[in-house]
Amino acid sequence: AGMPQDVKKEALKQADRLERMHPDSSESTVVRNYLEWLCDVPWSKHTEDAIDLKKAKEVLDEDHYGLEKIKERILEFLAVRKIKEHIAGPILCFVGPPGVGKTSLGKSIARAMGRKFHRISLGGVRDEAEIRGHRRTYVGAMPGKIIQGLKQVQTNNPIFMLDEVDKLGADFRGDPSSALLEVLDPEQNNTFTDHYLNVHFNLSKVLFIATANLTDPIPPALKDRMEVIQIPGYTAHEKIKIAQKFLVPKQMEHNGLKPGTVEFADSGIQKIIHNYTQEAGLRNLEREIAGVCRKVARQVSEGYTGTIQITDKNVPNYLGIMKYFRDEEKQEKNEIGIATGLAWTPYGGEVLSVEAREMKAKNRAFTLTGQLGDVMKESAQAALTYLRSKQDEFNIPEDYFETHEIHIHVPQGAIPKDGPSAGVTLATAMLSMITKRPVRKDIAMTGEISLSGKVYAVGGVRDKVLAALRNDIQTVIIPYQNHHMLTEIPKDIRAQIKFIFAKTLDDVFEAALEKEKEGQKPYSIHPVEKAA
């Protein structure tokens, strides 16, 4: 089996013990299993890398639409491997919402390199022995997932996909994320020791790729060993292209439909994306396309001949009533005390409505509802403090805050919300309510605020902008500090949206609030910077 010298020595020692044992003793079964494992592990068996960058690019383009930056990074990674074969390369970690193609990217890399591919699911793994194996003293002991995977692929240089690395648990049986530190450290993994085998195995030739939905739950020491590559959600335009190129042909074949039996118009797929799914990835879109294909298969089996066209008009006939009524949720007119914010979730961007209401009260009160987290509550408090400090400037009556109760509510109360990026939205909704100036319904905003009214940078700008476009909002206010991030947004999306860059809350109020009516006392604000 091409064992190293120290492993061969251990194997001969155990074989010698086995010879002296009674064949029916339980110990002989343990030793026999151990020797079988030592012989089955691919100590020196490897596959030759066949790295052709042109072919690798073709493979990546064939398997995935878009994701240009990610493909670029993968090709750089392969180029280095081609020039210097024995290199302790980086461990890549693909992070993004569910259904964006993290696992399939790993398969594409394996195909481009000509290596075997093995996927290890780490979701819910709580036992350190799952990674390092159990000691042979335990009944039914087995090696860990790493050695088991190597035995399965029968090569010592496969691509190992460590799926859902952010969902590792920990309990009294140990911490598997700490066990992974040795596996993923190029300085240490050439002498990886599985508890069952109890001999060193060189993992330096294995190419590890991890996937995660979020980076926050990954322990810092583990994150430090990986190069995080963010995979963003897809735009509606990208989803239509992917559906036509990959999903529709796949589901037609899966449901036994011949080419030409059914044709999906772009408008039909757009309707499914808009009214039947709400996601950054593609899983639900594929499910809905599969649902249409099953209905078509039934029509065909009942004797229908000819091509069935799926358009935005007849999608409900196949998928039933719409699940998301985005058009009906839109505000019909500019309203007082209601502002539209943009939020980021692990599943992509979301549009968030913030409502502010006032009531006469004997004592000052400030109520927040809608399952808001601590950070969001503090943002609301900061917005209120800013408005109180600028009473004269905003022409707010002197005793207003002492004689009114202010209530802030963020709808969809069952969903927990948190983060600082709703600061500008909270401030705008409150000022609108106090000054009775309606907020423009065609504007969405995001940004963290300070007590002095400065607007600070936030994360997830690309996903937030896509969410605004999904909801037919064409004007977005973002912090000036984020203006360099617009390069992350595809050109066709940038062309459809008017961006307003805010340095201060005054910039936000100038853009988002209706202008004062004649006779209303104006307040001083700075000119706002705009970009097409």
Protein backbone atom coordinates (compact mmCIF):
# COMPACT_ATOMS: atom_id res chain seq x y z
CA ALA A 1 0.00 0.00 0.00
CA GLY A 2 3.05 2.28 -0.27
CA MET A 3 3.19 2.84 3.49
CA PRO A 4 5.84 5.11 5.01
CA GLN A 5 8.48 3.32 7.10
CA ASP A 6 7.03 4.15 10.54
CA VAL A 7 3.52 3.01 9.45
CA LYS A 8 4.92 -0.23 8.01
CA LYS A 9 6.73 -0.84 11.29
CA GLU A 10 3.45 -0.40 13.26
CA ALA A 11 1.57 -2.65 10.79
CA LEU A 12 4.15 -5.47 11.11
CA LYS A 13 4.06 -5.17 14.89
CA GLN A 14 0.25 -5.52 14.91
CA ALA A 15 0.39 -8.39 12.36
CA ASP A 16 2.83 -10.19 14.65
CA ARG A 17 0.41 -9.74 17.58
CA LEU A 18 -2.47 -11.06 15.44
CA GLU A 19 -0.52 -14.25 14.62
CA ARG A 20 -0.16 -15.03 18.33
CA MET A 21 -3.85 -14.42 19.12
CA HIS A 22 -6.70 -16.91 19.08
CA PRO A 23 -8.74 -16.28 15.88
CA ASP A 24 -12.04 -16.18 17.85
CA SER A 25 -10.96 -13.60 20.43
CA SER A 26 -12.56 -10.14 20.26
CA GLU A 27 -9.12 -8.51 20.33
CA SER A 28 -8.13 -10.31 17.11
CA THR A 29 -11.15 -8.75 15.32
CA VAL A 30 -10.07 -5.29 16.49
CA VAL A 31 -6.47 -5.81 15.28
CA ARG A 32 -7.66 -7.30 11.98
CA ASN A 33 -9.92 -4.29 11.33
CA TYR A 34 -7.06 -1.96 12.21
CA LEU A 35 -4.70 -3.70 9.75
CA GLU A 36 -7.37 -3.55 7.03
CA TRP A 37 -7.69 0.20 7.56
CA LEU A 38 -3.90 0.65 7.40
CA CYS A 39 -3.82 -1.25 4.09
CA ASP A 40 -6.84 0.59 2.62
CA VAL A 41 -5.64 4.15 3.26
CA PRO A 42 -3.96 5.64 0.12
CA TRP A 43 -0.56 6.46 1.66
CA SER A 44 1.23 7.13 -1.63
CA LYS A 45 -1.49 6.81 -4.28
CA HIS A 46 -2.28 10.15 -5.97
CA THR A 47 -3.86 11.54 -9.14
CA GLU A 48 -1.81 13.71 -11.48
CA ASP A 49 -2.99 17.33 -11.73
CA ALA A 50 -4.02 18.22 -15.25
CA ILE A 51 -4.25 22.00 -14.94
CA ASP A 52 -5.10 23.70 -18.20
CA LEU A 53 -6.21 27.27 -17.41
CA LYS A 54 -8.13 27.64 -20.67
CA LYS A 55 -10.03 24.42 -20.00
CA ALA A 56 -10.52 25.41 -16.33
CA LYS A 57 -12.12 28.70 -17.43
CA GLU A 58 -14.39 26.80 -19.82
CA VAL A 59 -15.41 24.39 -17.03
CA LEU A 60 -16.20 27.25 -14.63
CA ASP A 61 -18.18 29.15 -17.30
CA GLU A 62 -20.02 25.97 -18.28
CA ASP A 63 -21.02 25.17 -14.69
CA HIS A 64 -21.69 28.70 -13.35
CA TYR A 65 -23.13 31.86 -14.84
CA GLY A 66 -21.73 35.19 -13.59
CA LEU A 67 -19.56 35.16 -10.41
CA GLU A 68 -16.71 36.75 -12.38
CA LYS A 69 -14.62 37.84 -9.36
CA ILE A 70 -14.86 34.39 -7.76
CA LYS A 71 -13.87 32.65 -11.01
CA GLU A 72 -10.94 35.05 -11.35
CA ARG A 73 -9.70 34.11 -7.86
CA ILE A 74 -10.06 30.39 -8.59
CA LEU A 75 -8.10 30.71 -11.83
CA GLU A 76 -5.31 32.61 -10.00
CA PHE A 77 -5.27 29.81 -7.43
CA LEU A 78 -4.97 27.17 -10.20
CA ALA A 79 -2.27 29.18 -11.99
CA VAL A 80 -0.09 29.17 -8.86
CA ARG A 81 -0.67 25.41 -8.48
CA LYS A 82 0.42 24.88 -12.07
CA ILE A 83 3.67 26.85 -11.66
CA LYS A 84 4.55 25.48 -8.22
CA GLU A 85 3.14 22.02 -7.68
CA HIS A 86 4.14 21.35 -4.06
CA ILE A 87 2.83 24.45 -2.39
CA ALA A 88 0.98 24.76 0.90
CA GLY A 89 -1.84 26.68 -0.77
CA PRO A 90 -4.55 28.70 0.92
CA ILE A 91 -7.69 27.06 2.25
CA LEU A 92 -10.58 28.72 0.42
CA CYS A 93 -13.85 29.36 2.26
CA PHE A 94 -16.88 30.22 0.11
CA VAL A 95 -19.37 32.30 2.10
CA GLY A 96 -22.81 33.22 0.79
CA PRO A 97 -26.57 32.68 1.04
CA PRO A 98 -28.07 29.21 0.47
CA GLY A 99 -28.46 28.13 -3.16
CA VAL A 100 -25.81 30.37 -4.79
CA GLY A 101 -23.56 27.48 -5.87
CA LYS A 102 -20.88 27.17 -3.17
CA THR A 103 -20.71 23.36 -3.19
CA SER A 104 -20.95 23.10 -6.98
CA LEU A 105 -18.00 25.52 -7.30
CA GLY A 106 -15.90 22.98 -5.38
CA LYS A 107 -16.97 20.25 -7.82
CA SER A 108 -16.02 22.50 -10.75
CA ILE A 109 -12.54 23.09 -9.27
CA ALA A 110 -12.07 19.31 -8.92
CA ARG A 111 -13.17 18.84 -12.56
CA ALA A 112 -10.83 21.61 -13.74
CA MET A 113 -7.86 20.05 -11.88
CA GLY A 114 -8.67 16.44 -12.73
CA ARG A 115 -8.83 15.50 -9.03
CA LYS A 116 -11.24 13.31 -7.07
CA PHE A 117 -13.89 15.21 -5.09
CA HIS A 118 -15.21 14.33 -1.63
CA ARG A 119 -17.77 16.26 0.38
CA ILE A 120 -17.92 16.18 4.19
CA SER A 121 -21.03 17.70 5.76
CA LEU A 122 -20.14 19.35 9.08
CA GLY A 123 -23.61 20.72 9.90
CA GLY A 124 -24.54 19.67 13.45
CA VAL A 125 -21.25 17.79 14.09
CA ARG A 126 -20.57 18.12 17.84
CA ASP A 127 -18.07 15.36 18.54
CA GLU A 128 -14.34 15.95 18.07
CA ALA A 129 -13.99 12.21 17.28
CA GLU A 130 -15.98 12.78 14.04
CA ILE A 131 -12.88 14.57 12.75
CA ARG A 132 -10.05 12.73 14.54
CA GLY A 133 -11.62 9.29 15.03
CA HIS A 134 -12.10 7.19 18.18
CA ARG A 135 -9.32 5.40 20.01
CA ARG A 136 -9.19 1.66 19.36
CA THR A 137 -10.01 0.87 23.00
CA TYR A 138 -13.66 1.81 22.31
CA VAL A 139 -16.09 -0.83 21.02
CA GLY A 140 -16.92 -0.19 17.36
CA ALA A 141 -14.16 2.44 17.04
CA MET A 142 -13.69 3.99 13.59
CA PRO A 143 -11.36 6.57 12.02
CA GLY A 144 -12.67 10.12 11.61
CA LYS A 145 -14.35 11.61 8.54
CA ILE A 146 -11.02 12.75 7.04
CA ILE A 147 -9.45 9.26 6.91
CA GLN A 148 -12.79 7.70 5.89
CA GLY A 149 -13.00 10.15 2.99
CA LEU A 150 -9.46 9.35 1.87
CA LYS A 151 -10.23 5.64 1.88
CA GLN A 152 -13.36 6.29 -0.18
CA VAL A 153 -11.62 8.31 -2.93
CA GLN A 154 -8.46 6.13 -2.88
CA THR A 155 -6.07 9.02 -3.50
CA ASN A 156 -4.03 11.18 -1.12
CA ASN A 157 -4.58 14.44 -3.05
CA PRO A 158 -8.36 14.81 -3.49
CA ILE A 159 -10.39 17.98 -3.08
CA PHE A 160 -12.19 17.90 0.27
CA MET A 161 -15.26 20.09 0.54
CA LEU A 162 -15.97 20.91 4.20
CA ASP A 163 -19.64 21.88 3.91
CA GLU A 164 -21.45 24.14 6.43
CA VAL A 165 -18.34 24.87 8.51
CA ASP A 166 -20.29 27.62 10.32
CA LYS A 167 -22.74 25.07 11.74
CA LEU A 168 -20.23 23.07 13.78
CA GLY A 169 -21.37 22.54 17.37
CA ALA A 170 -19.47 21.83 20.59
CA ASP A 171 -20.40 19.95 23.77
CA PHE A 172 -18.88 17.71 26.49
CA ARG A 173 -17.46 15.41 23.79
CA GLY A 174 -15.08 18.11 22.58
CA ASP A 175 -14.98 20.91 20.03
CA PRO A 176 -14.72 19.72 16.39
CA SER A 177 -13.81 23.24 15.16
CA SER A 178 -10.65 23.05 17.29
CA ALA A 179 -9.86 19.62 15.82
CA LEU A 180 -10.13 21.18 12.36
CA LEU A 181 -7.35 23.66 13.24
CA GLU A 182 -4.74 20.92 12.81
CA VAL A 183 -6.38 19.67 9.60
CA LEU A 184 -6.46 23.12 7.96
CA ASP A 185 -3.06 24.42 9.07
CA PRO A 186 -0.48 23.86 6.27
CA GLU A 187 2.30 23.95 8.91
CA GLN A 188 0.79 21.08 10.90
CA ASN A 189 -1.33 18.91 8.63
CA ASN A 190 1.65 17.03 7.16
CA THR A 191 1.70 15.08 10.45
CA PHE A 192 -2.06 14.69 11.06
CA THR A 193 -2.74 11.93 13.58
CA ASP A 194 -6.07 10.14 13.60
CA HIS A 195 -6.87 8.64 17.04
CA TYR A 196 -7.84 5.32 15.49
CA LEU A 197 -4.81 4.84 13.22
CA ASN A 198 -2.46 6.45 15.78
CA VAL A 199 0.16 7.10 13.08
CA HIS A 200 0.97 10.27 11.11
CA PHE A 201 -0.74 10.92 7.78
CA ASN A 202 0.40 13.67 5.40
CA LEU A 203 -2.64 15.83 4.52
CA SER A 204 -0.59 18.58 2.86
CA LYS A 205 -1.48 17.29 -0.62
CA VAL A 206 -5.22 17.44 0.07
CA LEU A 207 -6.92 20.62 -1.17
CA PHE A 208 -9.49 21.76 1.41
CA ILE A 209 -12.37 24.05 0.47
CA ALA A 210 -14.88 25.14 3.12
CA THR A 211 -18.39 26.60 2.70
CA ALA A 212 -20.50 28.67 5.10
CA ASN A 213 -23.60 30.88 5.09
CA LEU A 214 -22.12 33.30 7.64
CA THR A 215 -18.62 34.06 8.91
CA ASP A 216 -19.72 35.21 12.39
CA PRO A 217 -20.23 31.73 13.94
CA ILE A 218 -16.83 30.48 12.70
CA PRO A 219 -14.29 30.62 15.57
CA PRO A 220 -11.60 33.31 14.93
CA ALA A 221 -8.70 30.80 14.99
CA LEU A 222 -10.41 28.69 12.31
CA LYS A 223 -11.37 31.73 10.21
CA ASP A 224 -7.76 32.92 10.38
CA ARG A 225 -6.61 29.73 8.58
CA MET A 226 -8.98 30.28 5.65
CA GLU A 227 -9.26 32.80 2.84
CA VAL A 228 -12.88 33.95 2.84
CA ILE A 229 -14.42 34.50 -0.60
CA GLN A 230 -17.87 36.13 -0.49
CA ILE A 231 -20.36 34.77 -3.02
CA PRO A 232 -23.21 37.30 -3.38
CA GLY A 233 -26.81 36.64 -4.30
CA TYR A 234 -27.88 36.68 -7.95
CA THR A 235 -29.64 39.54 -9.71
CA ALA A 236 -33.02 38.89 -11.39
CA HIS A 237 -31.30 39.18 -14.79
CA GLU A 238 -28.69 36.55 -13.78
CA LYS A 239 -31.42 34.26 -12.44
CA ILE A 240 -33.30 34.38 -15.76
CA LYS A 241 -30.10 33.50 -17.68
CA ILE A 242 -29.25 30.66 -15.25
CA ALA A 243 -32.81 29.30 -15.42
CA GLN A 244 -32.80 29.26 -19.25
CA LYS A 245 -29.30 27.79 -19.52
CA PHE A 246 -29.24 25.29 -16.61
CA LEU A 247 -32.42 24.89 -14.56
CA VAL A 248 -35.08 24.49 -17.30
CA PRO A 249 -33.12 21.88 -19.35
CA LYS A 250 -32.25 20.00 -16.12
CA GLN A 251 -35.87 19.86 -14.92
CA MET A 252 -37.21 18.97 -18.38
CA GLU A 253 -34.86 15.99 -18.52
CA HIS A 254 -35.64 15.09 -14.90
CA ASN A 255 -39.38 15.05 -15.64
CA GLY A 256 -39.08 13.14 -18.93
CA LEU A 257 -39.95 16.05 -21.24
CA LYS A 258 -38.42 16.10 -24.71
CA PRO A 259 -36.83 19.32 -26.04
CA GLY A 260 -39.51 21.54 -27.58
CA THR A 261 -42.32 20.23 -25.34
CA VAL A 262 -42.28 23.34 -23.16
CA GLU A 263 -40.73 26.77 -23.62
CA PHE A 264 -40.25 29.25 -20.80
CA ALA A 265 -40.44 32.88 -21.88
CA ASP A 266 -38.22 35.32 -19.95
CA SER A 267 -41.40 37.02 -18.72
CA GLY A 268 -42.61 33.70 -17.27
CA ILE A 269 -39.38 33.14 -15.34
CA GLN A 270 -39.44 36.80 -14.22
CA LYS A 271 -42.97 36.22 -12.86
CA ILE A 272 -41.82 33.11 -10.93
CA ILE A 273 -38.83 35.00 -9.47
CA HIS A 274 -40.92 38.03 -8.54
CA ASN A 275 -44.10 36.44 -7.17
CA TYR A 276 -43.22 32.85 -6.19
CA THR A 277 -39.73 33.12 -4.66
CA GLN A 278 -37.94 35.42 -2.25
CA GLU A 279 -34.31 34.36 -2.06
CA ALA A 280 -30.76 35.31 -3.01
CA GLY A 281 -30.01 31.83 -4.40
CA LEU A 282 -31.80 29.52 -6.84
CA ARG A 283 -33.22 26.58 -4.90
CA ASN A 284 -36.84 27.76 -4.73
CA LEU A 285 -36.73 28.94 -8.34
CA GLU A 286 -35.64 25.45 -9.40
CA ARG A 287 -38.44 23.95 -7.26
CA GLU A 288 -41.07 26.14 -8.92
CA ILE A 289 -39.72 25.33 -12.43
CA ALA A 290 -39.90 21.64 -11.48
CA GLY A 291 -43.54 22.20 -10.42
CA VAL A 292 -44.36 23.66 -13.85
CA CYS A 293 -42.57 20.77 -15.61
CA ARG A 294 -44.59 18.19 -13.63
CA LYS A 295 -47.87 19.84 -14.67
CA VAL A 296 -46.70 19.90 -18.31
CA ALA A 297 -45.69 16.21 -18.05
CA ARG A 298 -49.24 15.41 -16.94
CA GLN A 299 -50.70 17.35 -19.91
CA VAL A 300 -48.40 15.45 -22.29
CA SER A 301 -49.25 12.06 -20.77
CA GLU A 302 -52.97 12.90 -21.19
CA GLY A 303 -52.41 13.27 -24.93
CA TYR A 304 -51.54 16.95 -25.47
CA THR A 305 -49.25 17.53 -28.46
CA GLY A 306 -47.44 20.70 -29.42
CA THR A 307 -45.28 23.22 -27.59
CA ILE A 308 -46.53 24.70 -24.32
CA GLN A 309 -45.48 28.33 -23.77
CA ILE A 310 -44.96 29.49 -20.17
CA THR A 311 -45.43 33.27 -19.91
CA ASP A 312 -46.21 35.72 -17.11
CA LYS A 313 -49.92 35.40 -18.04
CA ASN A 314 -50.27 31.64 -17.52
CA VAL A 315 -47.76 30.96 -14.70
CA PRO A 316 -50.59 31.07 -12.05
CA ASN A 317 -52.38 28.25 -13.95
CA TYR A 318 -49.39 26.02 -13.18
CA LEU A 319 -48.23 27.27 -9.78
CA GLY A 320 -51.47 28.50 -8.20
CA ILE A 321 -51.94 31.79 -6.40
CA MET A 322 -48.93 34.06 -6.00
CA LYS A 323 -46.94 33.70 -2.75
CA TYR A 324 -45.47 37.23 -2.70
CA PHE A 325 -47.66 40.20 -3.63
CA ARG A 326 -44.98 42.81 -4.04
CA ASP A 327 -47.13 45.17 -6.13
CA GLU A 328 -49.91 45.18 -3.54
CA GLU A 329 -47.48 45.91 -0.70
CA LYS A 330 -46.27 49.13 -2.32
CA GLN A 331 -47.31 52.45 -0.81
CA GLU A 332 -49.78 54.27 -3.02
CA LYS A 333 -48.69 57.74 -1.89
CA ASN A 334 -46.03 59.51 0.16
CA GLU A 335 -46.95 59.08 3.82
CA ILE A 336 -46.06 60.81 7.06
CA GLY A 337 -43.95 58.74 9.49
CA ILE A 338 -43.32 55.76 7.16
CA ALA A 339 -39.80 55.34 5.72
CA THR A 340 -38.38 52.50 3.64
CA GLY A 341 -35.09 51.00 4.80
CA LEU A 342 -32.80 48.31 3.41
CA ALA A 343 -31.63 45.40 5.55
CA TRP A 344 -29.20 42.53 5.02
CA THR A 345 -30.01 38.94 6.01
CA PRO A 346 -28.11 35.66 5.49
CA TYR A 347 -30.51 35.02 2.61
CA GLY A 348 -29.84 38.30 0.77
CA GLY A 349 -31.13 41.85 1.03
CA GLU A 350 -34.60 42.83 2.24
CA VAL A 351 -36.73 45.96 2.11
CA LEU A 352 -37.84 47.05 5.57
CA SER A 353 -40.60 49.51 6.42
CA VAL A 354 -40.24 51.68 9.55
CA GLU A 355 -43.34 53.33 11.03
CA ALA A 356 -43.35 56.16 13.57
CA ARG A 357 -46.41 57.43 15.45
CA GLU A 358 -46.93 60.09 18.14
CA MET A 359 -49.48 60.38 20.95
CA LYS A 360 -50.10 63.14 23.44
CA ALA A 361 -48.88 62.07 26.88
CA LYS A 362 -48.30 63.60 30.28
CA ASN A 363 -44.81 62.14 30.48
CA ARG A 364 -42.19 61.51 27.85
CA ALA A 365 -42.16 57.93 26.52
CA PHE A 366 -40.35 56.08 23.73
CA THR A 367 -41.65 52.66 22.65
CA LEU A 368 -39.98 50.26 20.18
CA THR A 369 -41.75 47.16 18.80
CA GLY A 370 -41.20 44.60 16.03
CA GLN A 371 -38.66 42.26 17.71
CA LEU A 372 -35.75 44.71 17.46
CA GLY A 373 -32.30 43.71 18.70
CA ASP A 374 -30.19 45.77 21.10
CA VAL A 375 -28.12 47.45 18.37
CA MET A 376 -31.23 48.56 16.47
CA LYS A 377 -32.82 49.91 19.67
CA GLU A 378 -29.67 51.92 20.35
CA SER A 379 -29.81 53.29 16.77
CA ALA A 380 -33.37 54.48 17.43
CA GLN A 381 -32.25 56.12 20.69
CA ALA A 382 -29.36 57.84 18.85
CA ALA A 383 -31.77 59.13 16.17
CA LEU A 384 -34.10 60.53 18.86
CA THR A 385 -31.21 62.23 20.70
CA TYR A 386 -30.03 63.82 17.44
CA LEU A 387 -33.52 65.22 16.71
CA ARG A 388 -33.84 66.58 20.26
CA SER A 389 -30.44 68.29 19.98
CA LYS A 390 -31.58 70.00 16.75
CA GLN A 391 -35.05 71.14 17.90
CA ASP A 392 -34.61 74.76 16.87
CA GLU A 393 -33.14 73.90 13.50
CA PHE A 394 -36.03 71.58 12.67
CA ASN A 395 -38.61 74.03 14.06
CA ILE A 396 -39.85 71.50 16.65
CA PRO A 397 -41.89 73.03 19.53
CA GLU A 398 -39.87 73.36 22.74
CA ASP A 399 -42.10 71.12 24.89
CA TYR A 400 -42.77 68.52 22.14
CA PHE A 401 -40.63 65.70 23.54
CA GLU A 402 -41.93 66.25 27.08
CA THR A 403 -45.60 66.05 26.06
CA HIS A 404 -45.56 63.25 23.49
CA GLU A 405 -45.10 59.49 23.45
CA ILE A 406 -43.24 58.27 20.35
CA HIS A 407 -43.84 54.73 19.11
CA ILE A 408 -41.57 53.10 16.49
CA HIS A 409 -42.72 49.86 14.89
CA VAL A 410 -40.99 47.72 12.26
CA PRO A 411 -43.58 45.40 10.60
CA GLN A 412 -43.25 41.62 10.27
CA GLY A 413 -42.98 41.46 14.05
CA ALA A 414 -42.34 37.70 14.14
CA ILE A 415 -38.94 38.17 12.47
CA PRO A 416 -36.07 39.33 14.74
CA LYS A 417 -34.22 42.38 13.38
CA ASP A 418 -30.91 43.88 14.41
CA GLY A 419 -27.95 45.93 13.22
CA PRO A 420 -26.99 49.60 12.98
CA SER A 421 -27.85 50.18 9.31
CA ALA A 422 -31.46 51.23 10.00
CA GLY A 423 -30.28 54.41 11.78
CA VAL A 424 -31.05 56.76 8.86
CA THR A 425 -34.47 55.13 8.28
CA LEU A 426 -35.46 55.49 11.95
CA ALA A 427 -34.37 59.15 12.02
CA THR A 428 -36.23 59.94 8.77
CA ALA A 429 -39.48 58.28 9.94
CA MET A 430 -39.34 60.22 13.25
CA LEU A 431 -38.60 63.60 11.69
CA SER A 432 -41.37 63.05 9.12
CA MET A 433 -43.85 62.30 11.93
CA ILE A 434 -42.79 65.32 14.02
CA THR A 435 -42.65 67.90 11.18
CA LYS A 436 -45.60 66.38 9.25
CA ARG A 437 -43.53 66.19 6.06
CA PRO A 438 -44.29 62.96 4.11
CA VAL A 439 -41.45 60.60 3.16
CA ARG A 440 -41.02 59.84 -0.54
CA LYS A 441 -42.32 56.33 -1.25
CA ASP A 442 -39.89 55.79 -4.16
CA ILE A 443 -36.74 56.04 -2.00
CA ALA A 444 -35.05 53.36 0.13
CA MET A 445 -32.13 54.06 2.46
CA THR A 446 -29.45 52.48 4.60
CA GLY A 447 -26.76 53.88 6.88
CA GLU A 448 -25.49 53.99 10.45
CA ILE A 449 -25.76 57.31 12.31
CA SER A 450 -23.90 59.13 15.06
CA LEU A 451 -25.21 61.59 17.66
CA SER A 452 -23.74 64.44 15.65
CA GLY A 453 -25.77 63.40 12.57
CA LYS A 454 -22.94 61.85 10.56
CA VAL A 455 -23.82 58.86 8.33
CA TYR A 456 -21.38 55.94 8.53
CA ALA A 457 -20.64 53.01 6.19
CA VAL A 458 -22.62 49.76 6.35
CA GLY A 459 -22.16 46.27 4.91
CA GLY A 460 -24.11 44.24 2.34
CA VAL A 461 -24.60 47.19 -0.06
CA ARG A 462 -24.84 44.98 -3.16
CA ASP A 463 -27.55 42.74 -1.68
CA LYS A 464 -29.47 45.75 -0.37
CA VAL A 465 -29.43 47.46 -3.77
CA LEU A 466 -30.68 44.24 -5.42
CA ALA A 467 -33.50 44.08 -2.85
CA ALA A 468 -34.50 47.67 -3.70
CA LEU A 469 -34.62 46.83 -7.42
CA ARG A 470 -36.64 43.66 -6.73
CA ASN A 471 -39.22 45.92 -5.08
CA ASP A 472 -39.20 48.44 -7.97
CA ILE A 473 -37.43 51.16 -5.98
CA GLN A 474 -35.20 53.20 -8.27
CA THR A 475 -33.60 55.67 -5.83
CA VAL A 476 -31.34 54.50 -3.00
CA ILE A 477 -29.63 56.58 -0.31
CA ILE A 478 -26.35 55.03 0.90
CA PRO A 479 -23.52 56.43 3.06
CA TYR A 480 -20.90 58.46 1.17
CA GLN A 481 -18.26 56.16 2.76
CA ASN A 482 -19.77 53.27 0.75
CA HIS A 483 -19.55 54.96 -2.67
CA HIS A 484 -16.48 52.88 -3.68
CA MET A 485 -18.53 49.68 -3.20
CA LEU A 486 -20.66 50.45 -6.26
CA THR A 487 -18.06 48.61 -8.36
CA GLU A 488 -19.38 45.37 -6.77
CA ILE A 489 -22.80 46.03 -8.34
CA PRO A 490 -23.23 44.89 -11.97
CA LYS A 491 -23.30 47.73 -14.53
CA ASP A 492 -26.80 46.88 -15.76
CA ILE A 493 -28.12 47.21 -12.18
CA ARG A 494 -26.23 50.48 -11.57
CA ALA A 495 -27.79 51.93 -14.70
CA GLN A 496 -31.31 51.31 -13.34
CA ILE A 497 -30.78 52.97 -9.96
CA LYS A 498 -30.14 56.55 -8.93
CA PHE A 499 -27.73 56.66 -5.99
CA ILE A 500 -27.68 59.46 -3.44
CA PHE A 501 -24.59 59.53 -1.23
CA ALA A 502 -25.21 60.97 2.22
CA LYS A 503 -22.49 62.33 4.50
CA THR A 504 -24.93 63.61 7.14
CA LEU A 505 -28.55 63.09 8.16
CA ASP A 506 -29.34 66.48 6.62
CA ASP A 507 -28.43 65.02 3.21
CA VAL A 508 -30.84 62.15 3.88
CA PHE A 509 -33.69 64.45 4.97
CA GLU A 510 -33.18 66.72 1.94
CA ALA A 511 -33.53 63.78 -0.45
CA ALA A 512 -36.15 61.66 1.35
CA LEU A 513 -38.65 64.20 2.72
CA GLU A 514 -41.11 66.15 0.61
CA LYS A 515 -40.19 69.81 0.25
CA GLU A 516 -41.86 72.27 2.67
CA LYS A 517 -45.08 73.82 1.57
CA GLU A 518 -45.26 77.55 1.08
CA GLY A 519 -45.26 79.44 4.34
CA GLN A 520 -43.64 76.58 6.25
CA LYS A 521 -40.41 77.62 7.98
CA PRO A 522 -37.47 75.97 6.21
CA TYR A 523 -34.44 74.57 7.99
CA SER A 524 -30.82 74.75 6.86
CA ILE A 525 -29.30 71.70 5.17
CA HIS A 526 -26.20 71.03 3.10
CA PRO A 527 -26.39 70.28 -0.64
CA VAL A 528 -26.58 66.57 -1.37
CA GLU A 529 -24.08 64.70 -3.57
CA LYS A 530 -25.62 62.62 -6.33
CA ALA A 531 -24.38 60.05 -8.82
CA ALA A 532 -26.06 58.41 -11.74
